[in-house]
Amino acid sequence: MTSANLAAVDHIAIVVKGYPRLSETFIAQEILGIQQAGIPYRIVSLRHPTDKKRHPIHQRITGPVDYLPEYLHDAPLRVLAGWWKARKMPGYKAAIAAWRRDFRRDPTRNRLRRLGQAMVMAAELPADITRIYAHFLHTPASVARYGAMMRQLPWCCSAHAKDIYTSPDWEMREKLADMDWLVTCTRANVDHLRALADDPAKVNLLYHGLDFSRFPEQLPNRPMRAGDDAADPVIILSVGRLVGKKGYDDLLKALAKLPQNLQWRFVHIGGGNGAKYAALANELGIADRCDWQGPRDQAEVITACQNADLFVLASRIEKDGDRDGLPNVLMEAQLCGLAAVSTHISAIPELIRDGVNGRLVPERDPDALSAVLAEMIADPAARDKMGKAGNAIVRQDFSFHAGMRELGHRFGVDQDAPASRQE
């Protein structure tokens, strides 16, 4: 990229809730794509990392990371210095006015913390930053919004799932009004946010997609296990945090209802309260068939997908609206040729087509889930056919590089690239 071209490219501050995180490979993948596109960037994290492991991709990300004070009382002098500098900025009064309007409707310590973090960010960002880009429409977007107003910079956002469906409509409307544009990873999200936006054209579909180069080109030659051999059971894999919206209690209940003559083994990868679910498995009498492996990096997840026979994710919508959007693990499993069983919620049907590359059941329905699992365990030919179809669908419709070209276009790279899809 020439110096003239570089001058036209945004220098961005990427605001995230925490970095790095094992559960957010899609963010790490995008940051690496931004780096490879030659877009100058730095990461601004609201929290320090808590995961003990890291994905290999994190080692390839070389941009600077700024950690804001997670709790303002832990760094009072830094917060005071941030305020002292921010108060002299041309947009400070407008930012404070916006924050006061928000605080009247949400008088919480979290709202205070967002303002303090925004002042520190605004004060400490290098002068060459030309745009602020937030991942998630809730807390990171609030910090990005207040900080961008202080610095009088344009800002934009990538929205996902929980941040959309647990945020109040008034807040999302006002953020959408203030930002330049927003991308989100499912058609369901696009429809929801466009209904709130003063200018619906600001909201665009941008699937995360996968970088196929990180996955084996050839599908594994899986044995045609049919659940009839106790020495060689069907391997059922699930990857996800052990939190309510993933529905692991529903899944364990479904597994416990499987016919006694079917031979299977359940493998789980992911962090969270493993003791709680292991205790439930024991209570249901299936503990000896469950393997709780804990957090693993992406290479280990791919290996697990290669060795499994069936993937399952019993996602559901929680009472507060929290839900999955389109989980990357479903795409990863499909790219590895795994048939998937999941639920008919949110954007999951945008990937899983019932009877084509997997099966969909109603959420919170262990009986229906168990019946479909029993069918899939006993039918290796159907699993093989659906797995191959899933691989083809992901390769056709969910390429990370296609999405990255669109995002790069928005940041000023490759001006001839097509704009984000408007469906």
Protein backbone atom coordinates (compact mmCIF):
# COMPACT_ATOMS: atom_id res chain seq x y z
CA MET A 1 0.00 0.00 0.00
CA THR A 2 1.46 3.38 -1.03
CA SER A 3 1.70 6.33 1.35
CA ALA A 4 -1.01 8.11 -0.64
CA ASN A 5 -3.35 5.15 -0.30
CA LEU A 6 -2.51 4.75 3.39
CA ALA A 7 -3.52 8.35 4.02
CA ALA A 8 -7.03 7.53 2.79
CA VAL A 9 -7.35 4.48 5.05
CA ASP A 10 -8.84 4.80 8.52
CA HIS A 11 -6.53 4.41 11.50
CA ILE A 12 -8.85 2.60 13.86
CA ALA A 13 -9.17 1.93 17.55
CA ILE A 14 -10.99 -1.38 18.00
CA VAL A 15 -12.93 -1.34 21.28
CA VAL A 16 -13.67 -4.78 22.76
CA LYS A 17 -14.95 -5.92 26.12
CA GLY A 18 -11.99 -8.21 26.80
CA TYR A 19 -8.94 -9.34 24.86
CA PRO A 20 -8.01 -12.03 24.15
CA ARG A 21 -10.94 -14.36 24.73
CA LEU A 22 -11.19 -18.02 23.77
CA SER A 23 -14.92 -17.68 23.11
CA GLU A 24 -14.44 -14.83 20.60
CA THR A 25 -12.39 -16.38 17.82
CA PHE A 26 -14.49 -14.44 15.31
CA ILE A 27 -13.15 -11.15 16.72
CA ALA A 28 -9.56 -12.37 16.69
CA GLN A 29 -10.01 -13.60 13.12
CA GLU A 30 -11.33 -10.20 12.05
CA ILE A 31 -8.52 -8.30 13.78
CA LEU A 32 -5.96 -10.46 12.02
CA GLY A 33 -7.76 -9.75 8.73
CA ILE A 34 -7.60 -6.01 9.43
CA GLN A 35 -3.89 -6.38 10.14
CA GLN A 36 -3.30 -8.36 6.94
CA ALA A 37 -5.21 -5.74 4.93
CA GLY A 38 -2.70 -3.14 6.06
CA ILE A 39 -5.22 -1.10 8.04
CA PRO A 40 -3.48 0.66 10.96
CA TYR A 41 -5.17 -0.35 14.20
CA ARG A 42 -4.83 -0.71 17.93
CA ILE A 43 -6.99 -2.70 20.33
CA VAL A 44 -8.69 -1.01 23.29
CA SER A 45 -9.89 -3.54 25.86
CA LEU A 46 -12.27 -2.77 28.72
CA ARG A 47 -11.03 -5.81 30.65
CA HIS A 48 -7.86 -7.80 31.09
CA PRO A 49 -7.86 -11.41 29.85
CA THR A 50 -9.13 -14.13 32.16
CA ASP A 51 -8.70 -17.22 29.95
CA LYS A 52 -5.59 -19.26 30.73
CA LYS A 53 -5.28 -20.53 27.15
CA ARG A 54 -4.99 -18.60 23.90
CA HIS A 55 -5.74 -19.54 20.32
CA PRO A 56 -2.81 -19.75 17.89
CA ILE A 57 -4.35 -16.83 15.99
CA HIS A 58 -3.75 -14.54 18.97
CA GLN A 59 -0.01 -15.04 18.55
CA ARG A 60 -0.25 -13.65 15.02
CA ILE A 61 -1.97 -10.42 16.08
CA THR A 62 0.81 -7.90 16.64
CA GLY A 63 -1.06 -4.60 17.07
CA PRO A 64 -0.77 -2.71 20.37
CA VAL A 65 -3.35 -3.38 23.09
CA ASP A 66 -4.48 -0.66 25.51
CA TYR A 67 -6.20 -1.90 28.67
CA LEU A 68 -8.55 0.67 30.19
CA PRO A 69 -9.15 0.71 33.96
CA GLU A 70 -11.59 -2.15 34.51
CA TYR A 71 -12.77 -0.52 37.74
CA LEU A 72 -12.26 3.21 38.12
CA HIS A 73 -11.30 2.99 41.79
CA ASP A 74 -8.36 0.76 40.86
CA ALA A 75 -6.69 3.56 38.86
CA PRO A 76 -7.94 6.89 40.28
CA LEU A 77 -4.95 8.92 39.13
CA ARG A 78 -5.26 7.58 35.58
CA VAL A 79 -8.97 8.37 35.53
CA LEU A 80 -8.31 11.87 36.91
CA ALA A 81 -5.64 12.49 34.27
CA GLY A 82 -8.05 11.26 31.60
CA TRP A 83 -10.77 13.65 32.78
CA TRP A 84 -8.30 16.56 33.02
CA LYS A 85 -7.33 16.11 29.37
CA ALA A 86 -10.75 15.11 28.04
CA ARG A 87 -12.52 18.13 29.54
CA LYS A 88 -10.55 20.39 27.19
CA MET A 89 -11.63 18.48 24.07
CA PRO A 90 -14.09 20.15 21.68
CA GLY A 91 -16.68 17.40 22.03
CA TYR A 92 -16.49 16.96 25.79
CA LYS A 93 -19.65 18.94 26.62
CA ALA A 94 -21.69 17.04 24.03
CA ALA A 95 -20.43 13.73 25.38
CA ILE A 96 -21.28 14.65 28.95
CA ALA A 97 -24.76 15.79 27.86
CA ALA A 98 -25.33 12.44 26.11
CA TRP A 99 -24.04 10.55 29.14
CA ARG A 100 -26.36 12.48 31.48
CA ARG A 101 -29.37 11.60 29.33
CA ASP A 102 -28.32 7.96 29.44
CA PHE A 103 -27.64 8.02 33.18
CA ARG A 104 -31.11 9.39 33.96
CA ARG A 105 -32.56 6.29 32.32
CA ASP A 106 -29.85 3.90 33.55
CA PRO A 107 -28.52 5.20 36.89
CA THR A 108 -25.97 2.43 37.46
CA ARG A 109 -22.32 2.14 38.45
CA ASN A 110 -21.70 0.48 35.11
CA ARG A 111 -22.84 3.65 33.33
CA LEU A 112 -20.41 5.68 35.45
CA ARG A 113 -17.63 3.25 34.61
CA ARG A 114 -18.32 3.60 30.90
CA LEU A 115 -17.88 7.37 31.11
CA GLY A 116 -14.63 7.05 33.07
CA GLN A 117 -13.24 4.52 30.60
CA ALA A 118 -14.28 6.74 27.67
CA MET A 119 -12.42 9.72 29.14
CA VAL A 120 -9.27 7.65 29.62
CA MET A 121 -9.52 6.30 26.08
CA ALA A 122 -10.14 9.74 24.58
CA ALA A 123 -7.17 11.16 26.48
CA GLU A 124 -4.75 8.35 25.69
CA LEU A 125 -5.49 7.43 22.07
CA PRO A 126 -2.73 8.54 19.68
CA ALA A 127 -3.43 11.60 17.55
CA ASP A 128 -3.40 9.56 14.33
CA ILE A 129 -6.57 7.59 15.20
CA THR A 130 -9.30 8.59 12.73
CA ARG A 131 -12.12 6.19 13.63
CA ILE A 132 -13.36 4.19 16.60
CA TYR A 133 -14.84 0.75 15.92
CA ALA A 134 -16.66 -1.16 18.66
CA HIS A 135 -17.36 -4.87 18.85
CA PHE A 136 -20.73 -5.33 20.60
CA LEU A 137 -23.51 -2.79 20.80
CA HIS A 138 -23.76 -2.64 24.60
CA THR A 139 -20.86 -1.62 26.87
CA PRO A 140 -18.06 -1.36 24.26
CA ALA A 141 -20.29 0.78 22.02
CA SER A 142 -21.11 3.09 24.93
CA VAL A 143 -17.42 3.66 25.64
CA ALA A 144 -16.77 4.11 21.92
CA ARG A 145 -19.65 6.57 21.57
CA TYR A 146 -18.69 8.81 24.48
CA GLY A 147 -15.01 8.72 23.53
CA ALA A 148 -15.70 9.43 19.86
CA MET A 149 -17.87 12.39 20.80
CA MET A 150 -15.10 13.83 22.97
CA ARG A 151 -12.53 13.43 20.20
CA GLN A 152 -15.07 14.37 17.49
CA LEU A 153 -14.26 11.21 15.58
CA PRO A 154 -16.59 9.03 13.49
CA TRP A 155 -17.43 5.68 15.02
CA CYS A 156 -19.05 2.44 13.93
CA CYS A 157 -19.97 -0.90 15.40
CA SER A 158 -20.18 -4.64 14.85
CA ALA A 159 -23.20 -6.10 16.69
CA HIS A 160 -23.68 -9.77 17.50
CA ALA A 161 -26.36 -11.36 19.73
CA LYS A 162 -26.53 -10.76 23.49
CA ASP A 163 -25.64 -7.11 22.98
CA ILE A 164 -28.66 -6.63 20.72
CA TYR A 165 -31.31 -8.60 22.56
CA THR A 166 -30.46 -7.50 26.10
CA SER A 167 -30.01 -3.78 25.38
CA PRO A 168 -32.94 -1.35 25.75
CA ASP A 169 -34.42 -0.08 22.49
CA TRP A 170 -33.91 3.56 23.43
CA GLU A 171 -30.18 3.05 23.79
CA MET A 172 -29.79 1.18 20.53
CA ARG A 173 -31.83 3.84 18.68
CA GLU A 174 -29.60 6.62 19.94
CA LYS A 175 -26.38 4.78 19.23
CA LEU A 176 -27.56 3.95 15.71
CA ALA A 177 -28.39 7.63 15.19
CA ASP A 178 -24.90 8.71 16.29
CA MET A 179 -22.73 6.14 14.49
CA ASP A 180 -21.76 6.10 10.80
CA TRP A 181 -22.66 2.48 10.16
CA LEU A 182 -23.17 -0.89 11.77
CA VAL A 183 -22.52 -4.42 10.57
CA THR A 184 -24.10 -7.48 12.13
CA CYS A 185 -23.68 -11.18 11.54
CA THR A 186 -27.22 -12.46 10.83
CA ARG A 187 -30.24 -11.49 8.79
CA ALA A 188 -32.37 -11.76 11.93
CA ASN A 189 -30.18 -9.11 13.58
CA VAL A 190 -30.38 -6.89 10.50
CA ASP A 191 -34.18 -6.95 10.55
CA HIS A 192 -34.31 -6.22 14.29
CA LEU A 193 -31.89 -3.29 14.15
CA ARG A 194 -33.26 -1.74 10.98
CA ALA A 195 -36.61 -1.45 12.72
CA LEU A 196 -34.89 0.74 15.34
CA ALA A 197 -32.67 2.82 13.08
CA ASP A 198 -33.56 6.30 11.86
CA ASP A 199 -31.70 5.36 8.67
CA PRO A 200 -32.08 1.60 8.01
CA ALA A 201 -29.32 1.76 5.40
CA LYS A 202 -26.82 2.15 8.25
CA VAL A 203 -27.41 -1.49 9.23
CA ASN A 204 -25.72 -4.10 7.04
CA LEU A 205 -25.31 -7.87 6.97
CA LEU A 206 -21.75 -9.14 7.35
CA TYR A 207 -21.31 -12.81 8.21
CA HIS A 208 -18.20 -13.53 10.25
CA GLY A 209 -17.38 -16.50 8.06
CA LEU A 210 -14.37 -18.76 8.42
CA ASP A 211 -10.80 -18.62 7.20
CA PHE A 212 -10.71 -21.94 5.38
CA SER A 213 -6.90 -22.03 5.41
CA ARG A 214 -7.01 -22.97 9.12
CA PHE A 215 -8.99 -26.13 8.38
CA PRO A 216 -7.97 -29.37 6.64
CA GLU A 217 -8.94 -29.31 2.96
CA GLN A 218 -9.96 -32.95 2.95
CA LEU A 219 -12.84 -34.24 5.02
CA PRO A 220 -11.93 -37.09 7.37
CA ASN A 221 -12.83 -40.62 6.41
CA ARG A 222 -15.16 -41.23 9.33
CA PRO A 223 -16.09 -44.79 10.32
CA MET A 224 -19.76 -45.51 9.75
CA ARG A 225 -20.62 -45.93 13.42
CA ALA A 226 -24.29 -46.78 14.01
CA GLY A 227 -24.48 -46.86 17.79
CA ASP A 228 -24.57 -50.64 17.92
CA ASP A 229 -21.06 -51.33 19.27
CA ALA A 230 -20.29 -50.57 22.91
CA ALA A 231 -16.57 -50.72 22.13
CA ASP A 232 -16.91 -48.12 19.36
CA PRO A 233 -19.68 -45.66 20.31
CA VAL A 234 -20.91 -42.72 18.23
CA ILE A 235 -19.04 -39.58 19.33
CA ILE A 236 -21.36 -36.63 19.94
CA LEU A 237 -19.48 -33.33 20.20
CA SER A 238 -20.57 -29.96 21.51
CA VAL A 239 -18.47 -26.82 21.86
CA GLY A 240 -19.63 -23.83 23.86
CA ARG A 241 -19.50 -22.07 27.19
CA LEU A 242 -21.45 -23.74 29.96
CA VAL A 243 -23.99 -20.95 30.28
CA GLY A 244 -27.78 -20.93 30.19
CA LYS A 245 -28.31 -19.85 26.59
CA LYS A 246 -26.36 -22.86 25.31
CA GLY A 247 -28.99 -25.23 26.73
CA TYR A 248 -26.67 -27.88 28.10
CA ASP A 249 -29.16 -28.96 30.75
CA ASP A 250 -31.68 -29.57 27.94
CA LEU A 251 -29.05 -31.53 26.03
CA LEU A 252 -28.11 -33.71 28.98
CA LYS A 253 -31.78 -34.49 29.61
CA ALA A 254 -32.15 -35.41 25.94
CA LEU A 255 -29.12 -37.72 26.10
CA ALA A 256 -30.54 -39.41 29.19
CA LYS A 257 -33.73 -40.19 27.25
CA LEU A 258 -31.91 -42.03 24.43
CA PRO A 259 -32.76 -45.72 23.99
CA GLN A 260 -30.60 -47.93 26.18
CA ASN A 261 -29.45 -50.02 23.23
CA LEU A 262 -27.77 -47.04 21.50
CA GLN A 263 -24.06 -46.70 22.14
CA TRP A 264 -22.77 -43.11 22.30
CA ARG A 265 -20.25 -40.88 24.04
CA PHE A 266 -20.71 -37.14 24.65
CA VAL A 267 -17.66 -34.85 24.44
CA HIS A 268 -17.89 -31.24 25.59
CA ILE A 269 -15.34 -28.48 24.99
CA GLY A 270 -15.69 -25.07 26.62
CA GLY A 271 -15.35 -23.11 29.82
CA GLY A 272 -17.93 -22.38 32.49
CA ASN A 273 -19.38 -24.18 35.48
CA GLY A 274 -18.37 -27.70 34.57
CA ALA A 275 -19.07 -29.05 38.06
CA LYS A 276 -22.74 -28.04 37.78
CA TYR A 277 -23.28 -29.94 34.54
CA ALA A 278 -21.16 -32.90 35.58
CA ALA A 279 -23.38 -33.18 38.66
CA LEU A 280 -26.49 -33.09 36.46
CA ALA A 281 -25.04 -35.81 34.23
CA ASN A 282 -24.41 -37.92 37.33
CA GLU A 283 -27.95 -37.32 38.57
CA LEU A 284 -29.32 -38.38 35.17
CA GLY A 285 -27.22 -41.55 35.20
CA ILE A 286 -25.08 -40.71 32.15
CA ALA A 287 -21.89 -39.43 33.80
CA ASP A 288 -19.87 -42.41 32.56
CA ARG A 289 -20.72 -41.46 28.96
CA CYS A 290 -19.72 -37.77 29.27
CA ASP A 291 -16.25 -36.32 28.73
CA TRP A 292 -15.84 -32.72 30.00
CA GLN A 293 -12.65 -31.43 28.39
CA GLY A 294 -12.78 -27.77 29.43
CA PRO A 295 -11.45 -24.89 27.32
CA ARG A 296 -9.43 -25.76 24.23
CA ASP A 297 -7.79 -23.68 21.51
CA GLN A 298 -9.08 -23.62 17.95
CA ALA A 299 -6.62 -26.23 16.69
CA GLU A 300 -7.82 -28.63 19.38
CA VAL A 301 -11.45 -27.85 18.54
CA ILE A 302 -10.82 -28.65 14.87
CA THR A 303 -9.19 -31.96 15.84
CA ALA A 304 -12.21 -32.81 17.99
CA CYS A 305 -14.52 -32.03 15.07
CA GLN A 306 -12.44 -34.28 12.81
CA ASN A 307 -12.77 -37.15 15.28
CA ALA A 308 -16.48 -36.76 16.10
CA ASP A 309 -19.50 -38.26 14.35
CA LEU A 310 -22.18 -35.69 15.17
CA PHE A 311 -22.28 -32.10 16.46
CA VAL A 312 -25.04 -30.77 18.73
CA LEU A 313 -25.84 -27.36 20.17
CA ALA A 314 -29.12 -26.92 22.07
CA SER A 315 -29.20 -23.11 22.01
CA ARG A 316 -32.17 -21.31 23.57
CA ILE A 317 -33.44 -17.82 24.36
CA GLU A 318 -33.05 -16.79 27.99
CA LYS A 319 -35.61 -14.79 29.98
CA ASP A 320 -33.56 -11.60 29.64
CA GLY A 321 -33.42 -12.03 25.85
CA ASP A 322 -29.86 -13.35 25.74
CA ARG A 323 -29.32 -15.82 22.91
CA ASP A 324 -26.87 -17.06 20.33
CA GLY A 325 -26.75 -15.37 16.95
CA LEU A 326 -25.03 -17.70 14.51
CA PRO A 327 -22.44 -19.58 16.57
CA ASN A 328 -19.09 -19.92 14.83
CA VAL A 329 -18.73 -23.43 16.25
CA LEU A 330 -21.61 -24.58 14.06
CA MET A 331 -19.79 -23.30 10.97
CA GLU A 332 -16.55 -24.91 12.14
CA ALA A 333 -18.25 -28.26 12.67
CA GLN A 334 -19.90 -28.07 9.25
CA LEU A 335 -16.63 -27.17 7.57
CA CYS A 336 -15.20 -30.33 9.14
CA GLY A 337 -18.03 -32.33 7.53
CA LEU A 338 -20.06 -32.86 10.71
CA ALA A 339 -23.82 -33.06 10.52
CA ALA A 340 -25.29 -30.78 13.17
CA VAL A 341 -28.34 -30.93 15.40
CA SER A 342 -29.44 -27.60 16.82
CA THR A 343 -32.49 -25.48 17.61
CA HIS A 344 -34.77 -23.38 15.47
CA ILE A 345 -33.92 -20.00 17.03
CA SER A 346 -32.24 -16.76 16.03
CA ALA A 347 -30.03 -17.11 12.96
CA ILE A 348 -29.19 -20.79 13.27
CA PRO A 349 -31.61 -21.65 10.40
CA GLU A 350 -29.56 -19.32 8.18
CA LEU A 351 -26.87 -22.02 8.29
CA ILE A 352 -28.57 -25.28 9.28
CA ARG A 353 -31.25 -26.34 6.80
CA ASP A 354 -33.37 -29.02 8.39
CA GLY A 355 -32.86 -32.32 6.65
CA VAL A 356 -30.14 -30.94 4.34
CA ASN A 357 -27.02 -30.36 6.44
CA GLY A 358 -28.44 -31.15 9.86
CA ARG A 359 -31.58 -31.21 11.93
CA LEU A 360 -33.41 -28.47 13.81
CA VAL A 361 -35.68 -28.95 16.83
CA PRO A 362 -37.65 -26.53 19.02
CA GLU A 363 -35.70 -24.93 21.86
CA ARG A 364 -36.16 -26.22 25.42
CA ASP A 365 -37.59 -29.53 24.19
CA PRO A 366 -35.44 -32.47 25.41
CA ASP A 367 -37.96 -35.00 24.09
CA ALA A 368 -37.78 -33.68 20.51
CA LEU A 369 -34.01 -33.33 20.74
CA SER A 370 -33.63 -36.87 22.03
CA ALA A 371 -35.77 -38.30 19.23
CA VAL A 372 -33.69 -36.57 16.54
CA LEU A 373 -30.42 -37.56 18.21
CA ALA A 374 -31.56 -41.19 18.27
CA GLU A 375 -32.29 -41.07 14.53
CA MET A 376 -28.93 -39.48 13.73
CA ILE A 377 -26.92 -41.83 15.95
CA ALA A 378 -28.40 -44.86 14.19
CA ASP A 379 -28.03 -43.50 10.63
CA PRO A 380 -24.37 -42.95 9.65
CA ALA A 381 -25.26 -42.62 5.96
CA ALA A 382 -27.55 -39.65 6.71
CA ARG A 383 -24.87 -38.08 8.91
CA ASP A 384 -22.30 -38.45 6.15
CA LYS A 385 -24.58 -36.93 3.51
CA MET A 386 -25.57 -33.99 5.72
CA GLY A 387 -21.98 -33.38 6.79
CA LYS A 388 -20.79 -33.13 3.19
CA ALA A 389 -23.69 -30.82 2.37
CA GLY A 390 -22.76 -28.62 5.33
CA ASN A 391 -19.16 -28.38 4.17
CA ALA A 392 -20.34 -27.24 0.73
CA ILE A 393 -22.76 -24.66 2.18
CA VAL A 394 -20.11 -23.11 4.43
CA ARG A 395 -17.57 -22.96 1.61
CA GLN A 396 -20.09 -21.29 -0.68
CA ASP A 397 -21.78 -18.83 1.67
CA PHE A 398 -19.58 -18.27 4.73
CA SER A 399 -16.12 -17.26 3.55
CA PHE A 400 -14.30 -14.94 5.92
CA HIS A 401 -12.33 -13.38 3.08
CA ALA A 402 -15.48 -12.20 1.28
CA GLY A 403 -16.67 -10.48 4.44
CA MET A 404 -13.22 -9.04 5.11
CA ARG A 405 -13.15 -7.42 1.67
CA GLU A 406 -16.44 -5.70 2.49
CA LEU A 407 -15.20 -4.54 5.88
CA GLY A 408 -11.92 -3.32 4.40
CA HIS A 409 -13.92 -1.30 1.90
CA ARG A 410 -15.62 0.48 4.79
CA PHE A 411 -12.27 1.33 6.31
CA GLY A 412 -10.98 2.73 3.01
CA VAL A 413 -9.16 -0.27 1.55
CA ASP A 414 -9.87 -1.45 -2.02
CA GLN A 415 -12.38 1.19 -2.99
CA ASP A 416 -13.67 -0.95 -5.85
CA ALA A 417 -14.87 -3.71 -3.50
CA PRO A 418 -18.64 -4.19 -3.29
CA ALA A 419 -20.50 -2.65 -0.36
CA SER A 420 -21.96 -4.87 2.35
CA ARG A 421 -25.01 -6.88 1.39
CA GLN A 422 -28.32 -5.24 1.99
CA GLU A 423 -30.61 -8.25 2.42
